[in-house]
N, C-alpha and C. Protein backbone atom coordinates (compact mmCIF):
# COMPACT_ATOMS: atom_id res chain seq x y z
N MET A 1 0.84 -1.18 0.00
CA MET A 1 0.00 0.00 0.00
C MET A 1 0.88 1.23 0.00
N PRO A 2 0.40 2.32 -0.59
CA PRO A 2 1.09 3.58 -0.36
C PRO A 2 0.91 3.96 1.11
N THR A 3 1.73 4.86 1.60
CA THR A 3 1.58 5.29 2.99
C THR A 3 0.24 6.00 3.15
N ILE A 4 -0.22 6.05 4.38
CA ILE A 4 -1.48 6.72 4.66
C ILE A 4 -1.40 8.20 4.27
N LEU A 5 -0.19 8.74 4.26
CA LEU A 5 0.01 10.14 3.87
C LEU A 5 -0.33 10.36 2.40
N SER A 6 -0.04 9.39 1.56
CA SER A 6 -0.22 9.58 0.12
C SER A 6 -1.62 9.24 -0.37
N HIS A 7 -2.38 8.49 0.39
CA HIS A 7 -3.75 8.21 -0.03
C HIS A 7 -4.60 9.48 -0.08
N VAL A 8 -4.22 10.51 0.67
CA VAL A 8 -4.99 11.76 0.68
C VAL A 8 -4.73 12.61 -0.55
N ALA A 9 -3.76 12.24 -1.37
CA ALA A 9 -3.42 13.05 -2.55
C ALA A 9 -4.60 13.19 -3.51
N VAL A 10 -5.36 12.12 -3.69
CA VAL A 10 -6.47 12.17 -4.65
C VAL A 10 -7.56 13.15 -4.20
N PRO A 11 -8.10 13.01 -2.97
CA PRO A 11 -9.12 14.00 -2.59
C PRO A 11 -8.58 15.43 -2.52
N LEU A 12 -7.33 15.59 -2.12
CA LEU A 12 -6.76 16.94 -2.09
C LEU A 12 -6.67 17.53 -3.50
N ALA A 13 -6.17 16.73 -4.45
CA ALA A 13 -6.03 17.22 -5.83
C ALA A 13 -7.39 17.57 -6.43
N LEU A 14 -8.35 16.67 -6.30
CA LEU A 14 -9.67 16.91 -6.88
C LEU A 14 -10.42 18.01 -6.14
N GLY A 15 -10.33 17.99 -4.82
CA GLY A 15 -11.07 18.95 -4.01
C GLY A 15 -10.54 20.37 -4.15
N LEU A 16 -9.23 20.52 -4.06
CA LEU A 16 -8.65 21.86 -4.15
C LEU A 16 -8.68 22.38 -5.59
N GLY A 17 -8.49 21.49 -6.55
CA GLY A 17 -8.46 21.91 -7.94
C GLY A 17 -9.82 22.24 -8.53
N SER A 18 -10.86 21.53 -8.08
CA SER A 18 -12.18 21.69 -8.70
C SER A 18 -12.89 22.98 -8.30
N GLY A 19 -12.66 23.43 -7.08
CA GLY A 19 -13.33 24.64 -6.62
C GLY A 19 -14.78 24.44 -6.23
N VAL A 20 -15.28 23.20 -6.26
CA VAL A 20 -16.68 22.94 -5.90
C VAL A 20 -16.81 22.10 -4.64
N VAL A 21 -15.71 21.82 -3.99
CA VAL A 21 -15.73 20.96 -2.82
C VAL A 21 -15.54 21.79 -1.55
N PRO A 22 -16.61 21.91 -0.75
CA PRO A 22 -16.49 22.65 0.51
C PRO A 22 -15.53 21.96 1.48
N LYS A 23 -15.04 22.70 2.46
CA LYS A 23 -14.05 22.16 3.40
C LYS A 23 -14.53 20.91 4.12
N ARG A 24 -15.77 20.89 4.54
CA ARG A 24 -16.29 19.71 5.25
C ARG A 24 -16.29 18.48 4.34
N LEU A 25 -16.67 18.68 3.10
CA LEU A 25 -16.67 17.57 2.15
C LEU A 25 -15.24 17.14 1.84
N LEU A 26 -14.33 18.08 1.73
CA LEU A 26 -12.92 17.75 1.52
C LEU A 26 -12.41 16.86 2.66
N LEU A 27 -12.75 17.22 3.88
CA LEU A 27 -12.35 16.42 5.04
C LEU A 27 -12.97 15.02 4.97
N ALA A 28 -14.23 14.93 4.57
CA ALA A 28 -14.89 13.62 4.42
C ALA A 28 -14.19 12.79 3.34
N GLY A 29 -13.78 13.42 2.25
CA GLY A 29 -13.05 12.72 1.20
C GLY A 29 -11.70 12.22 1.68
N ILE A 30 -11.02 13.03 2.47
CA ILE A 30 -9.73 12.62 3.03
C ILE A 30 -9.92 11.41 3.93
N VAL A 31 -10.93 11.46 4.79
CA VAL A 31 -11.22 10.32 5.68
C VAL A 31 -11.56 9.08 4.85
N ALA A 32 -12.37 9.25 3.81
CA ALA A 32 -12.75 8.13 2.95
C ALA A 32 -11.55 7.52 2.24
N SER A 33 -10.56 8.34 1.94
CA SER A 33 -9.37 7.83 1.25
C SER A 33 -8.44 7.06 2.18
N ILE A 34 -8.57 7.29 3.47
CA ILE A 34 -7.73 6.62 4.46
C ILE A 34 -8.44 5.42 5.09
N LEU A 35 -9.74 5.53 5.24
CA LEU A 35 -10.54 4.54 5.97
C LEU A 35 -10.32 3.09 5.56
N PRO A 36 -10.14 2.78 4.27
CA PRO A 36 -9.94 1.37 3.92
C PRO A 36 -8.79 0.69 4.67
N ASP A 37 -7.77 1.44 5.06
CA ASP A 37 -6.64 0.82 5.76
C ASP A 37 -6.92 0.53 7.24
N MET A 38 -8.11 0.85 7.69
CA MET A 38 -8.47 0.45 9.06
C MET A 38 -8.56 -1.07 9.15
N ASP A 39 -8.57 -1.72 7.99
CA ASP A 39 -8.61 -3.19 7.98
C ASP A 39 -7.32 -3.83 8.50
N VAL A 40 -6.29 -3.04 8.75
CA VAL A 40 -5.08 -3.60 9.35
C VAL A 40 -5.37 -4.12 10.75
N LEU A 41 -6.49 -3.68 11.33
CA LEU A 41 -6.90 -4.22 12.63
C LEU A 41 -7.14 -5.73 12.54
N ALA A 42 -7.39 -6.22 11.34
CA ALA A 42 -7.60 -7.66 11.16
C ALA A 42 -6.38 -8.46 11.61
N PHE A 43 -5.19 -7.89 11.44
CA PHE A 43 -3.99 -8.58 11.90
C PHE A 43 -4.05 -8.82 13.41
N ARG A 44 -4.51 -7.81 14.14
CA ARG A 44 -4.63 -7.94 15.61
C ARG A 44 -5.70 -8.96 16.00
N LEU A 45 -6.68 -9.15 15.12
CA LEU A 45 -7.77 -10.09 15.40
C LEU A 45 -7.48 -11.48 14.84
N ASN A 46 -6.26 -11.68 14.38
CA ASN A 46 -5.82 -12.96 13.80
C ASN A 46 -6.64 -13.37 12.58
N ILE A 47 -7.07 -12.39 11.81
CA ILE A 47 -7.75 -12.65 10.53
C ILE A 47 -6.66 -12.66 9.46
N ALA A 48 -6.62 -13.71 8.69
CA ALA A 48 -5.57 -13.86 7.68
C ALA A 48 -5.63 -12.73 6.65
N TYR A 49 -4.46 -12.32 6.21
CA TYR A 49 -4.33 -11.29 5.17
C TYR A 49 -5.20 -11.65 3.97
N SER A 50 -5.22 -12.90 3.57
CA SER A 50 -5.92 -13.33 2.36
C SER A 50 -7.43 -13.48 2.54
N HIS A 51 -7.93 -13.39 3.75
CA HIS A 51 -9.36 -13.51 4.03
C HIS A 51 -10.08 -12.28 3.46
N ASP A 52 -11.36 -12.45 3.10
CA ASP A 52 -12.13 -11.31 2.59
C ASP A 52 -12.10 -10.12 3.54
N PHE A 53 -12.07 -10.40 4.85
CA PHE A 53 -12.04 -9.32 5.83
C PHE A 53 -10.62 -9.01 6.30
N GLY A 54 -9.62 -9.55 5.60
CA GLY A 54 -8.23 -9.24 5.88
C GLY A 54 -7.82 -7.95 5.18
N HIS A 55 -6.53 -7.65 5.28
CA HIS A 55 -6.02 -6.42 4.67
C HIS A 55 -6.18 -6.44 3.15
N ARG A 56 -6.62 -5.32 2.61
CA ARG A 56 -6.91 -5.13 1.18
C ARG A 56 -8.07 -5.98 0.70
N GLY A 57 -8.97 -6.31 1.61
CA GLY A 57 -10.16 -7.09 1.28
C GLY A 57 -11.37 -6.20 1.08
N VAL A 58 -12.42 -6.48 1.84
CA VAL A 58 -13.71 -5.81 1.72
C VAL A 58 -13.60 -4.29 1.71
N THR A 59 -12.80 -3.73 2.59
CA THR A 59 -12.73 -2.27 2.70
C THR A 59 -12.04 -1.60 1.51
N HIS A 60 -11.44 -2.40 0.66
CA HIS A 60 -10.77 -1.87 -0.53
C HIS A 60 -11.61 -2.07 -1.79
N SER A 61 -12.84 -2.52 -1.62
CA SER A 61 -13.71 -2.85 -2.76
C SER A 61 -14.50 -1.64 -3.25
N VAL A 62 -15.00 -1.77 -4.46
CA VAL A 62 -15.87 -0.75 -5.04
C VAL A 62 -17.15 -0.63 -4.21
N VAL A 63 -17.65 -1.76 -3.71
CA VAL A 63 -18.87 -1.75 -2.90
C VAL A 63 -18.68 -0.91 -1.64
N PHE A 64 -17.54 -1.06 -0.98
CA PHE A 64 -17.25 -0.26 0.21
C PHE A 64 -17.21 1.23 -0.15
N ALA A 65 -16.58 1.55 -1.27
CA ALA A 65 -16.51 2.95 -1.72
C ALA A 65 -17.92 3.48 -2.01
N LEU A 66 -18.76 2.67 -2.61
CA LEU A 66 -20.14 3.10 -2.87
C LEU A 66 -20.90 3.34 -1.57
N LEU A 67 -20.69 2.46 -0.59
CA LEU A 67 -21.34 2.65 0.72
C LEU A 67 -20.93 3.97 1.35
N LEU A 68 -19.65 4.28 1.29
CA LEU A 68 -19.19 5.56 1.82
C LEU A 68 -19.78 6.73 1.03
N GLY A 69 -19.89 6.54 -0.29
CA GLY A 69 -20.52 7.57 -1.14
C GLY A 69 -21.98 7.79 -0.75
N PHE A 70 -22.71 6.71 -0.50
CA PHE A 70 -24.11 6.84 -0.09
C PHE A 70 -24.23 7.49 1.29
N LEU A 71 -23.30 7.20 2.17
CA LEU A 71 -23.29 7.85 3.48
C LEU A 71 -23.09 9.36 3.31
N ALA A 72 -22.18 9.75 2.42
CA ALA A 72 -21.96 11.17 2.14
C ALA A 72 -23.20 11.79 1.51
N LEU A 73 -23.87 11.06 0.62
CA LEU A 73 -25.10 11.54 0.01
C LEU A 73 -26.14 11.84 1.09
N ALA A 74 -26.26 10.93 2.07
CA ALA A 74 -27.22 11.11 3.15
C ALA A 74 -26.85 12.30 4.05
N CYS A 75 -25.58 12.61 4.10
CA CYS A 75 -25.09 13.70 4.97
C CYS A 75 -24.73 14.94 4.16
N ALA A 76 -25.19 15.04 2.94
CA ALA A 76 -24.79 16.13 2.04
C ALA A 76 -25.06 17.50 2.66
N HIS A 77 -26.18 17.66 3.31
CA HIS A 77 -26.50 18.96 3.92
C HIS A 77 -25.45 19.34 4.96
N GLN A 78 -25.07 18.39 5.82
CA GLN A 78 -24.06 18.66 6.84
C GLN A 78 -22.68 18.90 6.21
N LEU A 79 -22.45 18.29 5.06
CA LEU A 79 -21.17 18.47 4.35
C LEU A 79 -21.17 19.74 3.50
N ARG A 80 -22.31 20.44 3.52
CA ARG A 80 -22.48 21.69 2.77
C ARG A 80 -22.25 21.51 1.27
N SER A 81 -22.87 20.46 0.77
CA SER A 81 -22.68 20.11 -0.64
C SER A 81 -23.98 19.60 -1.22
N SER A 82 -24.02 19.54 -2.54
CA SER A 82 -25.15 18.88 -3.19
C SER A 82 -24.99 17.37 -2.99
N ARG A 83 -26.06 16.66 -3.12
CA ARG A 83 -26.03 15.20 -2.92
C ARG A 83 -25.15 14.52 -3.97
N VAL A 84 -25.25 14.97 -5.21
CA VAL A 84 -24.47 14.37 -6.29
C VAL A 84 -22.97 14.57 -6.06
N ILE A 85 -22.59 15.79 -5.71
CA ILE A 85 -21.16 16.06 -5.49
C ILE A 85 -20.66 15.31 -4.26
N ALA A 86 -21.44 15.27 -3.19
CA ALA A 86 -21.03 14.55 -1.98
C ALA A 86 -20.82 13.07 -2.28
N PHE A 87 -21.80 12.46 -2.96
CA PHE A 87 -21.69 11.04 -3.30
C PHE A 87 -20.48 10.78 -4.19
N SER A 88 -20.34 11.58 -5.24
CA SER A 88 -19.27 11.37 -6.21
C SER A 88 -17.89 11.59 -5.59
N PHE A 89 -17.74 12.68 -4.86
CA PHE A 89 -16.43 13.01 -4.31
C PHE A 89 -15.97 11.98 -3.28
N VAL A 90 -16.84 11.63 -2.37
CA VAL A 90 -16.46 10.65 -1.35
C VAL A 90 -16.27 9.27 -1.97
N GLY A 91 -17.13 8.89 -2.89
CA GLY A 91 -16.98 7.60 -3.56
C GLY A 91 -15.67 7.49 -4.33
N VAL A 92 -15.33 8.51 -5.09
CA VAL A 92 -14.07 8.52 -5.84
C VAL A 92 -12.87 8.53 -4.87
N SER A 93 -12.97 9.30 -3.81
CA SER A 93 -11.89 9.33 -2.82
C SER A 93 -11.65 7.95 -2.22
N ALA A 94 -12.74 7.25 -1.89
CA ALA A 94 -12.62 5.92 -1.28
C ALA A 94 -12.09 4.89 -2.28
N VAL A 95 -12.61 4.89 -3.49
CA VAL A 95 -12.17 3.88 -4.47
C VAL A 95 -10.73 4.13 -4.90
N SER A 96 -10.28 5.38 -4.80
CA SER A 96 -8.90 5.68 -5.17
C SER A 96 -7.91 4.92 -4.29
N HIS A 97 -8.31 4.62 -3.07
CA HIS A 97 -7.43 3.90 -2.15
C HIS A 97 -7.05 2.53 -2.73
N GLY A 98 -8.05 1.76 -3.10
CA GLY A 98 -7.78 0.44 -3.67
C GLY A 98 -7.03 0.52 -4.98
N LEU A 99 -7.37 1.51 -5.80
CA LEU A 99 -6.68 1.65 -7.10
C LEU A 99 -5.20 1.98 -6.91
N LEU A 100 -4.90 2.84 -5.94
CA LEU A 100 -3.49 3.14 -5.66
C LEU A 100 -2.78 1.90 -5.12
N ASP A 101 -3.45 1.15 -4.25
CA ASP A 101 -2.84 -0.07 -3.71
C ASP A 101 -2.56 -1.09 -4.82
N MET A 102 -3.37 -1.09 -5.85
CA MET A 102 -3.15 -2.01 -6.97
C MET A 102 -1.88 -1.66 -7.74
N LEU A 103 -1.41 -0.44 -7.60
CA LEU A 103 -0.19 0.00 -8.30
C LEU A 103 1.08 -0.32 -7.53
N THR A 104 0.95 -0.91 -6.33
CA THR A 104 2.13 -1.22 -5.53
C THR A 104 2.75 -2.55 -5.93
N ASN A 105 4.02 -2.72 -5.55
CA ASN A 105 4.75 -3.92 -5.95
C ASN A 105 4.84 -4.96 -4.82
N GLY A 106 3.87 -4.98 -3.94
CA GLY A 106 3.89 -5.96 -2.85
C GLY A 106 2.50 -6.26 -2.35
N GLY A 107 2.43 -7.19 -1.43
CA GLY A 107 1.15 -7.58 -0.86
C GLY A 107 0.48 -8.67 -1.69
N LEU A 108 -0.81 -8.85 -1.43
CA LEU A 108 -1.56 -9.92 -2.09
C LEU A 108 -2.55 -9.41 -3.13
N GLY A 109 -2.51 -8.13 -3.42
CA GLY A 109 -3.47 -7.57 -4.35
C GLY A 109 -4.67 -7.00 -3.62
N VAL A 110 -5.66 -6.52 -4.39
CA VAL A 110 -6.82 -5.82 -3.84
C VAL A 110 -8.10 -6.54 -4.28
N ALA A 111 -9.00 -6.77 -3.32
CA ALA A 111 -10.29 -7.42 -3.59
C ALA A 111 -11.28 -6.37 -4.10
N LEU A 112 -10.96 -5.77 -5.21
CA LEU A 112 -11.73 -4.66 -5.76
C LEU A 112 -13.17 -5.04 -6.08
N LEU A 113 -13.40 -6.28 -6.49
CA LEU A 113 -14.73 -6.71 -6.95
C LEU A 113 -15.52 -7.49 -5.90
N TRP A 114 -15.05 -7.46 -4.64
CA TRP A 114 -15.82 -8.12 -3.59
C TRP A 114 -17.19 -7.46 -3.52
N PRO A 115 -18.28 -8.13 -3.34
CA PRO A 115 -18.53 -9.51 -2.97
C PRO A 115 -18.70 -10.48 -4.14
N TRP A 116 -18.59 -9.97 -5.37
CA TRP A 116 -18.76 -10.85 -6.53
C TRP A 116 -17.58 -11.78 -6.71
N SER A 117 -16.42 -11.33 -6.26
CA SER A 117 -15.21 -12.13 -6.39
C SER A 117 -14.28 -11.82 -5.23
N SER A 118 -13.66 -12.87 -4.70
CA SER A 118 -12.66 -12.70 -3.65
C SER A 118 -11.26 -12.58 -4.25
N GLU A 119 -11.19 -12.63 -5.58
CA GLU A 119 -9.89 -12.55 -6.25
C GLU A 119 -9.24 -11.20 -5.94
N ARG A 120 -7.94 -11.24 -5.76
CA ARG A 120 -7.16 -10.03 -5.49
C ARG A 120 -6.47 -9.60 -6.78
N PHE A 121 -6.52 -8.31 -7.05
CA PHE A 121 -5.99 -7.78 -8.30
C PHE A 121 -4.83 -6.81 -8.08
N PHE A 122 -3.93 -6.80 -9.05
CA PHE A 122 -2.89 -5.79 -9.16
C PHE A 122 -3.08 -5.12 -10.51
N ALA A 123 -2.59 -3.89 -10.64
CA ALA A 123 -2.58 -3.21 -11.93
C ALA A 123 -1.49 -3.83 -12.81
N ALA A 124 -1.60 -3.59 -14.09
CA ALA A 124 -0.58 -4.10 -15.02
C ALA A 124 0.79 -3.52 -14.70
N TRP A 125 0.81 -2.27 -14.21
CA TRP A 125 2.07 -1.63 -13.84
C TRP A 125 2.08 -1.44 -12.33
N GLN A 126 3.01 -2.08 -11.68
CA GLN A 126 3.13 -1.97 -10.23
C GLN A 126 4.35 -1.10 -9.93
N VAL A 127 4.15 0.20 -10.04
CA VAL A 127 5.26 1.14 -10.01
C VAL A 127 5.53 1.76 -8.64
N ILE A 128 4.57 1.65 -7.72
CA ILE A 128 4.73 2.27 -6.41
C ILE A 128 5.32 1.26 -5.44
N GLU A 129 6.38 1.68 -4.75
CA GLU A 129 6.97 0.81 -3.73
C GLU A 129 5.95 0.58 -2.62
N VAL A 130 5.79 -0.68 -2.22
CA VAL A 130 4.82 -0.99 -1.17
C VAL A 130 5.34 -0.48 0.17
N SER A 131 4.43 0.10 0.94
CA SER A 131 4.79 0.70 2.23
C SER A 131 4.87 -0.37 3.31
N PRO A 132 5.79 -0.21 4.25
CA PRO A 132 5.80 -1.09 5.41
C PRO A 132 4.50 -0.88 6.20
N LEU A 133 3.98 -1.96 6.80
CA LEU A 133 2.76 -1.85 7.58
C LEU A 133 2.99 -1.23 8.95
N SER A 134 4.21 -1.26 9.42
CA SER A 134 4.54 -0.72 10.73
C SER A 134 4.90 0.75 10.60
N LEU A 135 4.28 1.59 11.43
CA LEU A 135 4.54 3.02 11.36
C LEU A 135 6.01 3.34 11.64
N SER A 136 6.63 2.59 12.54
CA SER A 136 8.04 2.85 12.85
C SER A 136 8.93 2.57 11.64
N ARG A 137 8.54 1.61 10.81
CA ARG A 137 9.35 1.29 9.63
C ARG A 137 9.14 2.30 8.49
N VAL A 138 8.06 3.09 8.57
CA VAL A 138 7.83 4.12 7.55
C VAL A 138 8.97 5.14 7.59
N PHE A 139 9.56 5.34 8.77
CA PHE A 139 10.64 6.32 8.91
C PHE A 139 12.02 5.68 8.87
N SER A 140 12.10 4.50 8.27
CA SER A 140 13.38 3.81 8.09
C SER A 140 13.89 4.11 6.68
N ALA A 141 15.04 3.52 6.33
CA ALA A 141 15.57 3.69 4.97
C ALA A 141 14.57 3.15 3.94
N ARG A 142 13.94 2.02 4.26
CA ARG A 142 12.92 1.44 3.36
C ARG A 142 11.75 2.42 3.20
N GLY A 143 11.33 3.00 4.32
CA GLY A 143 10.23 3.96 4.28
C GLY A 143 10.56 5.17 3.44
N LEU A 144 11.79 5.63 3.49
CA LEU A 144 12.19 6.79 2.69
C LEU A 144 12.16 6.45 1.20
N ALA A 145 12.53 5.23 0.85
CA ALA A 145 12.45 4.80 -0.55
C ALA A 145 10.99 4.79 -1.01
N VAL A 146 10.09 4.36 -0.13
CA VAL A 146 8.66 4.35 -0.44
C VAL A 146 8.17 5.79 -0.65
N LEU A 147 8.55 6.68 0.23
CA LEU A 147 8.12 8.07 0.11
C LEU A 147 8.62 8.72 -1.18
N GLN A 148 9.85 8.39 -1.59
CA GLN A 148 10.37 8.89 -2.87
C GLN A 148 9.53 8.37 -4.03
N SER A 149 9.18 7.09 -3.97
CA SER A 149 8.34 6.49 -5.01
C SER A 149 6.99 7.18 -5.06
N GLU A 150 6.42 7.44 -3.89
CA GLU A 150 5.11 8.08 -3.84
C GLU A 150 5.15 9.52 -4.33
N LEU A 151 6.24 10.23 -4.04
CA LEU A 151 6.37 11.59 -4.55
C LEU A 151 6.29 11.60 -6.07
N PHE A 152 6.97 10.65 -6.69
CA PHE A 152 7.01 10.60 -8.15
C PHE A 152 5.71 10.08 -8.75
N TRP A 153 5.16 8.99 -8.21
CA TRP A 153 4.03 8.32 -8.83
C TRP A 153 2.67 8.77 -8.33
N ILE A 154 2.60 9.46 -7.19
CA ILE A 154 1.30 9.90 -6.65
C ILE A 154 1.24 11.42 -6.55
N TRP A 155 2.18 12.02 -5.82
CA TRP A 155 2.09 13.45 -5.55
C TRP A 155 2.36 14.31 -6.78
N LEU A 156 3.32 13.95 -7.59
CA LEU A 156 3.58 14.72 -8.81
C LEU A 156 2.36 14.73 -9.73
N PRO A 157 1.75 13.56 -10.03
CA PRO A 157 0.51 13.59 -10.83
C PRO A 157 -0.63 14.34 -10.14
N ALA A 158 -0.71 14.24 -8.80
CA ALA A 158 -1.77 14.96 -8.08
C ALA A 158 -1.61 16.47 -8.23
N VAL A 159 -0.39 16.95 -8.14
CA VAL A 159 -0.13 18.38 -8.33
C VAL A 159 -0.48 18.78 -9.77
N ALA A 160 -0.16 17.92 -10.72
CA ALA A 160 -0.49 18.21 -12.13
C ALA A 160 -2.01 18.27 -12.33
N VAL A 161 -2.74 17.37 -11.70
CA VAL A 161 -4.21 17.39 -11.80
C VAL A 161 -4.76 18.67 -11.18
N THR A 162 -4.27 19.02 -10.00
CA THR A 162 -4.73 20.23 -9.33
C THR A 162 -4.47 21.46 -10.21
N ALA A 163 -3.27 21.57 -10.74
CA ALA A 163 -2.92 22.70 -11.60
C ALA A 163 -3.79 22.74 -12.85
N THR A 164 -4.02 21.59 -13.45
CA THR A 164 -4.86 21.52 -14.65
C THR A 164 -6.28 21.98 -14.34
N LEU A 165 -6.83 21.51 -13.21
CA LEU A 165 -8.18 21.92 -12.83
C LEU A 165 -8.25 23.43 -12.57
N PHE A 166 -7.21 23.99 -11.95
CA PHE A 166 -7.16 25.44 -11.73
C PHE A 166 -7.17 26.17 -13.07
N VAL A 167 -6.37 25.73 -14.01
CA VAL A 167 -6.29 26.38 -15.33
C VAL A 167 -7.62 26.27 -16.05
N VAL A 168 -8.21 25.09 -16.04
CA VAL A 168 -9.50 24.89 -16.70
C VAL A 168 -10.56 25.82 -16.09
N ARG A 169 -10.56 25.90 -14.76
CA ARG A 169 -11.51 26.81 -14.08
C ARG A 169 -11.26 28.25 -14.46
N ALA A 170 -9.99 28.64 -14.49
CA ALA A 170 -9.66 30.02 -14.83
C ALA A 170 -10.06 30.34 -16.26
N LEU A 171 -9.79 29.43 -17.17
CA LEU A 171 -10.18 29.64 -18.56
C LEU A 171 -11.69 29.68 -18.71
N GLY A 172 -12.37 28.82 -17.97
CA GLY A 172 -13.84 28.82 -18.00
C GLY A 172 -14.41 30.10 -17.45
N SER A 173 -13.84 30.60 -16.37
CA SER A 173 -14.29 31.87 -15.78
C SER A 173 -14.04 33.03 -16.73
N SER A 174 -12.89 33.01 -17.38
CA SER A 174 -12.54 34.06 -18.33
C SER A 174 -13.50 34.04 -19.52
N ALA A 175 -13.78 32.85 -20.03
CA ALA A 175 -14.69 32.73 -21.17
C ALA A 175 -16.10 33.18 -20.80
N ALA A 176 -16.56 32.80 -19.60
CA ALA A 176 -17.89 33.20 -19.15
C ALA A 176 -17.96 34.71 -18.97
N PHE A 177 -16.88 35.31 -18.45
CA PHE A 177 -16.83 36.76 -18.26
C PHE A 177 -16.93 37.46 -19.61
N LYS A 178 -16.17 36.99 -20.59
CA LYS A 178 -16.19 37.61 -21.93
C LYS A 178 -17.57 37.45 -22.57
N ARG A 179 -18.18 36.27 -22.42
CA ARG A 179 -19.50 36.02 -22.99
C ARG A 179 -20.53 36.95 -22.37
N ASP A 180 -20.47 37.11 -21.04
CA ASP A 180 -21.41 38.01 -20.37
C ASP A 180 -21.18 39.46 -20.80
N ALA A 181 -19.92 39.84 -20.99
CA ALA A 181 -19.61 41.21 -21.41
C ALA A 181 -20.15 41.47 -22.82
N LEU A 182 -20.06 40.49 -23.70
CA LEU A 182 -20.57 40.64 -25.06
C LEU A 182 -22.09 40.76 -25.07
N LYS A 183 -22.75 40.07 -24.15
CA LYS A 183 -24.20 40.15 -24.06
C LYS A 183 -24.67 41.54 -23.63
N ARG A 184 -23.87 42.22 -22.83
CA ARG A 184 -24.25 43.53 -22.31
C ARG A 184 -23.97 44.67 -23.31
N GLU A 185 -23.15 44.41 -24.31
CA GLU A 185 -22.84 45.46 -25.28
C GLU A 185 -24.07 45.76 -26.12
N PRO A 186 -24.29 47.07 -26.40
CA PRO A 186 -25.46 47.46 -27.23
C PRO A 186 -25.32 47.09 -28.66
């Protein structure tokens, strides 16, 4: 898995770049992007890694992401957002966790299609160094190699997405301003 620090890159990039995500919803998206890794508690409960309820199992599935999206939809008013944006943003934030984990070069894969399949999947390109599960090892030499990998494969693209969304918004605002100005001319 990427470190818990890098899973937040997707909601940050989309939320900050889009300009339509209120702060409360941004926070919900960040939580949704991290929440799937709460399944590491399964290790403490002696649940096997390969079990559906083990690490990278149920909580990394599309169904889990949809459930979080529906929860956000139900709480849209409290998140100060429309229902569609709340559902979409939180759902995408949650599903991004499993998709990023599929890009790592370790572990057993991701049960993305649970409950229809318990099969674990990896992406065709496993370019992200897998993170140590122990927080103390994240700050070791191995952890630093993982962070370098994440900077290149997660944070750099996230910054590019954010910048692109800013430019698109700016161009859209400029075009709308010009269109409105032309309408007002006699």
